[in-house]
């Protein structure tokens, strides 16, 4: 059940985002960010217009687990991402992306969204030889959409 939460209280240091995705994908589908061959971007679209694209590069803070990969950087990366968890499984695959702070730009992203249209969030895998993505599209009306937060969940 994909969910998306973004918040901005006006204080850039308190910006936050959380995106959760569940579905079917194998560990191999995610590439390998540990060896430096796969990077990811979290793409957000409001009425098909890009709103933000924070990137999590390969190598560095990635670790391999038995079912997937994890990224942790308590200080956040250059685009404000501090945690990514990727787990493969048939019907139990999971992706979690967390970001925070002033490096989330536009602010967490710019709120409110245009909820007269769909809001689409994608984790895009770039291996250098092609791309693949996992996405969720949230339809109007969101659970919350105002100047301080956007929150929605797929049924």
C-alpha atoms as a PDB file:
ATOM      1  CA  UNK A   1       0.000   0.000   0.000  1.00  0.00           C
ATOM      2  CA  UNK A   2       1.957   3.056  -1.202  1.00  0.00           C
ATOM      3  CA  UNK A   3       1.856   6.130   0.998  1.00  0.00           C
ATOM      4  CA  UNK A   4       3.364   9.590   0.653  1.00  0.00           C
ATOM      5  CA  UNK A   5       3.873  12.250   3.306  1.00  0.00           C
ATOM      6  CA  UNK A   6       5.582  15.582   2.855  1.00  0.00           C
ATOM      7  CA  UNK A   7       5.696  18.343   5.422  1.00  0.00           C
ATOM      8  CA  UNK A   8       7.013  21.906   5.626  1.00  0.00           C
ATOM      9  CA  UNK A   9       6.270  24.107   8.638  1.00  0.00           C
ATOM     10  CA  UNK A  10       8.075  27.092   7.146  1.00  0.00           C
ATOM     11  CA  UNK A  11      11.297  26.144   8.932  1.00  0.00           C
ATOM     12  CA  UNK A  12      13.602  24.602   6.262  1.00  0.00           C
ATOM     13  CA  UNK A  13      15.253  22.399   8.882  1.00  0.00           C
ATOM     14  CA  UNK A  14      11.888  20.745   9.672  1.00  0.00           C
ATOM     15  CA  UNK A  15      11.031  19.690   6.122  1.00  0.00           C
ATOM     16  CA  UNK A  16      10.331  15.992   5.780  1.00  0.00           C
ATOM     17  CA  UNK A  17       9.216  13.344   3.344  1.00  0.00           C
ATOM     18  CA  UNK A  18       8.282   9.692   3.625  1.00  0.00           C
ATOM     19  CA  UNK A  19       7.412   7.434   0.703  1.00  0.00           C
ATOM     20  CA  UNK A  20       6.481   3.780   1.147  1.00  0.00           C
ATOM     21  CA  UNK A  21       5.804   1.331  -1.676  1.00  0.00           C
ATOM     22  CA  UNK A  22       4.864  -2.343  -1.577  1.00  0.00           C
ATOM     23  CA  UNK A  23       4.454  -4.815  -4.414  1.00  0.00           C
ATOM     24  CA  UNK A  24       6.378  -7.493  -6.260  1.00  0.00           C
ATOM     25  CA  UNK A  25      10.063  -7.179  -7.192  1.00  0.00           C
ATOM     26  CA  UNK A  26      13.127  -9.352  -6.722  1.00  0.00           C
ATOM     27  CA  UNK A  27      16.364  -8.259  -5.132  1.00  0.00           C
ATOM     28  CA  UNK A  28      17.978  -8.457  -8.587  1.00  0.00           C
ATOM     29  CA  UNK A  29      15.337  -6.078 -10.001  1.00  0.00           C
ATOM     30  CA  UNK A  30      16.784  -3.323  -7.816  1.00  0.00           C
ATOM     31  CA  UNK A  31      20.306  -3.546  -9.270  1.00  0.00           C
ATOM     32  CA  UNK A  32      23.221  -3.184  -6.883  1.00  0.00           C
ATOM     33  CA  UNK A  33      23.867   0.221  -5.290  1.00  0.00           C
ATOM     34  CA  UNK A  34      26.639  -1.175  -3.069  1.00  0.00           C
ATOM     35  CA  UNK A  35      29.030  -1.934  -5.935  1.00  0.00           C
ATOM     36  CA  UNK A  36      28.523   1.474  -7.478  1.00  0.00           C
ATOM     37  CA  UNK A  37      26.526   0.283 -10.483  1.00  0.00           C
ATOM     38  CA  UNK A  38      23.039   1.507  -9.541  1.00  0.00           C
ATOM     39  CA  UNK A  39      21.835   4.903  -8.371  1.00  0.00           C
ATOM     40  CA  UNK A  40      18.290   6.022  -7.638  1.00  0.00           C
ATOM     41  CA  UNK A  41      16.173   9.161  -7.954  1.00  0.00           C
ATOM     42  CA  UNK A  42      12.882   9.806  -6.180  1.00  0.00           C
ATOM     43  CA  UNK A  43      10.765  11.633  -8.754  1.00  0.00           C
ATOM     44  CA  UNK A  44       7.607  13.494  -7.817  1.00  0.00           C
ATOM     45  CA  UNK A  45       5.091  14.791 -10.348  1.00  0.00           C
ATOM     46  CA  UNK A  46       2.033  16.968  -9.806  1.00  0.00           C
ATOM     47  CA  UNK A  47      -0.123  17.049 -12.980  1.00  0.00           C
ATOM     48  CA  UNK A  48       2.842  15.527 -14.903  1.00  0.00           C
ATOM     49  CA  UNK A  49       5.087  18.490 -13.978  1.00  0.00           C
ATOM     50  CA  UNK A  50       8.243  17.519 -12.052  1.00  0.00           C
ATOM     51  CA  UNK A  51       8.275  18.908  -8.511  1.00  0.00           C
ATOM     52  CA  UNK A  52      11.409  17.359  -7.052  1.00  0.00           C
ATOM     53  CA  UNK A  53      14.069  14.779  -7.918  1.00  0.00           C
ATOM     54  CA  UNK A  54      16.375  13.959  -4.983  1.00  0.00           C
ATOM     55  CA  UNK A  55      19.127  11.518  -5.958  1.00  0.00           C
ATOM     56  CA  UNK A  56      20.772   8.739  -3.947  1.00  0.00           C
ATOM     57  CA  UNK A  57      24.070   7.817  -5.580  1.00  0.00           C
ATOM     58  CA  UNK A  58      25.569   4.349  -5.675  1.00  0.00           C
ATOM     59  CA  UNK A  59      28.378   3.329  -3.318  1.00  0.00           C
ATOM     60  CA  UNK A  60      29.070   5.165  -0.081  1.00  0.00           C
ATOM     61  CA  UNK A  61      26.456   4.501   2.594  1.00  0.00           C
ATOM     62  CA  UNK A  62      24.711   1.534   0.929  1.00  0.00           C
ATOM     63  CA  UNK A  63      24.733  -1.913   2.552  1.00  0.00           C
ATOM     64  CA  UNK A  64      23.525  -5.243   1.191  1.00  0.00           C
ATOM     65  CA  UNK A  65      21.046  -7.368   3.136  1.00  0.00           C
ATOM     66  CA  UNK A  66      19.844 -10.905   2.425  1.00  0.00           C
ATOM     67  CA  UNK A  67      16.730  -9.597   0.628  1.00  0.00           C
ATOM     68  CA  UNK A  68      17.778  -6.163  -0.634  1.00  0.00           C
ATOM     69  CA  UNK A  69      19.705  -3.014   0.227  1.00  0.00           C
ATOM     70  CA  UNK A  70      19.722  -0.241   2.800  1.00  0.00           C
ATOM     71  CA  UNK A  71      21.082   3.305   2.759  1.00  0.00           C
ATOM     72  CA  UNK A  72      21.593   5.383   5.900  1.00  0.00           C
ATOM     73  CA  UNK A  73      23.146   8.802   6.273  1.00  0.00           C
ATOM     74  CA  UNK A  74      22.104  10.527   9.499  1.00  0.00           C
ATOM     75  CA  UNK A  75      23.429  13.849   8.225  1.00  0.00           C
ATOM     76  CA  UNK A  76      21.365  13.429   4.974  1.00  0.00           C
ATOM     77  CA  UNK A  77      22.855  13.427   1.505  1.00  0.00           C
ATOM     78  CA  UNK A  78      23.130  16.518  -0.698  1.00  0.00           C
ATOM     79  CA  UNK A  79      19.424  16.232  -1.623  1.00  0.00           C
ATOM     80  CA  UNK A  80      18.140  15.633   1.917  1.00  0.00           C
ATOM     81  CA  UNK A  81      17.697  11.834   1.813  1.00  0.00           C
ATOM     82  CA  UNK A  82      18.765  10.049   4.996  1.00  0.00           C
ATOM     83  CA  UNK A  83      17.315   6.545   4.605  1.00  0.00           C
ATOM     84  CA  UNK A  84      16.347   4.151   1.823  1.00  0.00           C
ATOM     85  CA  UNK A  85      15.285   0.559   2.434  1.00  0.00           C
ATOM     86  CA  UNK A  86      14.725  -1.786  -0.502  1.00  0.00           C
ATOM     87  CA  UNK A  87      13.519  -5.348  -0.016  1.00  0.00           C
ATOM     88  CA  UNK A  88      12.594  -7.877  -2.701  1.00  0.00           C
ATOM     89  CA  UNK A  89       9.747 -10.364  -2.484  1.00  0.00           C
ATOM     90  CA  UNK A  90       6.722 -11.739  -4.298  1.00  0.00           C
ATOM     91  CA  UNK A  91       3.908  -9.518  -3.102  1.00  0.00           C
ATOM     92  CA  UNK A  92       6.075  -8.488  -0.162  1.00  0.00           C
ATOM     93  CA  UNK A  93       8.655  -6.244  -1.856  1.00  0.00           C
ATOM     94  CA  UNK A  94       9.078  -2.935  -0.019  1.00  0.00           C
ATOM     95  CA  UNK A  95      10.650   0.433  -0.677  1.00  0.00           C
ATOM     96  CA  UNK A  96      10.946   3.137   1.981  1.00  0.00           C
ATOM     97  CA  UNK A  97      12.516   6.553   1.318  1.00  0.00           C
ATOM     98  CA  UNK A  98      12.951   9.167   4.071  1.00  0.00           C
ATOM     99  CA  UNK A  99      14.231  12.696   3.691  1.00  0.00           C
ATOM    100  CA  UNK A 100      14.491  15.722   5.929  1.00  0.00           C
ATOM    101  CA  UNK A 101      15.941  19.177   6.306  1.00  0.00           C
ATOM    102  CA  UNK A 102      16.768  22.216   4.260  1.00  0.00           C
ATOM    103  CA  UNK A 103      18.296  20.207   1.393  1.00  0.00           C
ATOM    104  CA  UNK A 104      14.842  18.960   0.338  1.00  0.00           C
ATOM    105  CA  UNK A 105      14.185  21.340  -2.510  1.00  0.00           C
ATOM    106  CA  UNK A 106      11.669  22.573  -3.376  1.00  0.00           C
ATOM    107  CA  UNK A 107      10.412  22.628   0.193  1.00  0.00           C
ATOM    108  CA  UNK A 108       9.455  19.063   0.925  1.00  0.00           C
ATOM    109  CA  UNK A 109       8.229  19.666  -1.932  1.00  0.00           C
ATOM    110  CA  UNK A 110       6.335  22.881  -2.627  1.00  0.00           C
ATOM    111  CA  UNK A 111       2.969  22.566  -0.899  1.00  0.00           C
ATOM    112  CA  UNK A 112       0.092  22.383  -1.503  1.00  0.00           C
ATOM    113  CA  UNK A 113       0.060  20.154  -4.571  1.00  0.00           C
ATOM    114  CA  UNK A 114      -2.373  20.662  -7.396  1.00  0.00           C
ATOM    115  CA  UNK A 115      -4.839  18.025  -6.267  1.00  0.00           C
ATOM    116  CA  UNK A 116      -7.125  18.681  -9.205  1.00  0.00           C
ATOM    117  CA  UNK A 117      -4.718  16.257 -10.855  1.00  0.00           C
ATOM    118  CA  UNK A 118      -2.886  13.080  -9.906  1.00  0.00           C
ATOM    119  CA  UNK A 119       0.279  13.118  -7.804  1.00  0.00           C
ATOM    120  CA  UNK A 120       2.800  10.474  -8.927  1.00  0.00           C
ATOM    121  CA  UNK A 121       5.856   9.349  -6.956  1.00  0.00           C
ATOM    122  CA  UNK A 122       8.486   7.089  -8.549  1.00  0.00           C
ATOM    123  CA  UNK A 123      11.716   5.512  -7.398  1.00  0.00           C
ATOM    124  CA  UNK A 124      13.776   5.434 -10.585  1.00  0.00           C
ATOM    125  CA  UNK A 125      16.709   3.033 -10.884  1.00  0.00           C
ATOM    126  CA  UNK A 126      19.557   4.099 -13.154  1.00  0.00           C
ATOM    127  CA  UNK A 127      22.175   1.477 -13.926  1.00  0.00           C
ATOM    128  CA  UNK A 128      23.933   3.507 -16.612  1.00  0.00           C
ATOM    129  CA  UNK A 129      22.566   1.114 -19.229  1.00  0.00           C
ATOM    130  CA  UNK A 130      18.876   1.786 -18.674  1.00  0.00           C
ATOM    131  CA  UNK A 131      16.245   2.794 -16.187  1.00  0.00           C
ATOM    132  CA  UNK A 132      13.387   1.121 -14.375  1.00  0.00           C
ATOM    133  CA  UNK A 133      10.969   2.552 -11.858  1.00  0.00           C
ATOM    134  CA  UNK A 134       8.482   1.675  -9.160  1.00  0.00           C
ATOM    135  CA  UNK A 135       5.653   4.142  -8.822  1.00  0.00           C
ATOM    136  CA  UNK A 136       2.451   5.064  -7.067  1.00  0.00           C
ATOM    137  CA  UNK A 137      -0.143   7.521  -8.361  1.00  0.00           C
ATOM    138  CA  UNK A 138      -2.328   9.245  -5.804  1.00  0.00           C
ATOM    139  CA  UNK A 139      -5.686  10.470  -7.084  1.00  0.00           C
ATOM    140  CA  UNK A 140      -7.561  13.538  -5.877  1.00  0.00           C
ATOM    141  CA  UNK A 141      -8.474  14.167  -3.050  1.00  0.00           C
ATOM    142  CA  UNK A 142      -5.571  13.590  -0.686  1.00  0.00           C
ATOM    143  CA  UNK A 143      -6.014  12.839   3.008  1.00  0.00           C
ATOM    144  CA  UNK A 144      -4.289  16.199   3.682  1.00  0.00           C
ATOM    145  CA  UNK A 145      -3.071  18.849   1.242  1.00  0.00           C
ATOM    146  CA  UNK A 146      -2.320  22.299   2.570  1.00  0.00           C
ATOM    147  CA  UNK A 147       0.627  24.645   3.037  1.00  0.00           C
ATOM    148  CA  UNK A 148       2.174  22.462   5.770  1.00  0.00           C
ATOM    149  CA  UNK A 149       1.675  18.876   4.583  1.00  0.00           C
ATOM    150  CA  UNK A 150       0.599  16.493   1.868  1.00  0.00           C
ATOM    151  CA  UNK A 151      -0.480  13.056   3.004  1.00  0.00           C
ATOM    152  CA  UNK A 152      -2.127  10.318   0.983  1.00  0.00           C
ATOM    153  CA  UNK A 153      -2.485   6.563   0.894  1.00  0.00           C
ATOM    154  CA  UNK A 154      -3.610   4.187  -1.823  1.00  0.00           C
ATOM    155  CA  UNK A 155      -6.532   1.942  -0.879  1.00  0.00           C
END
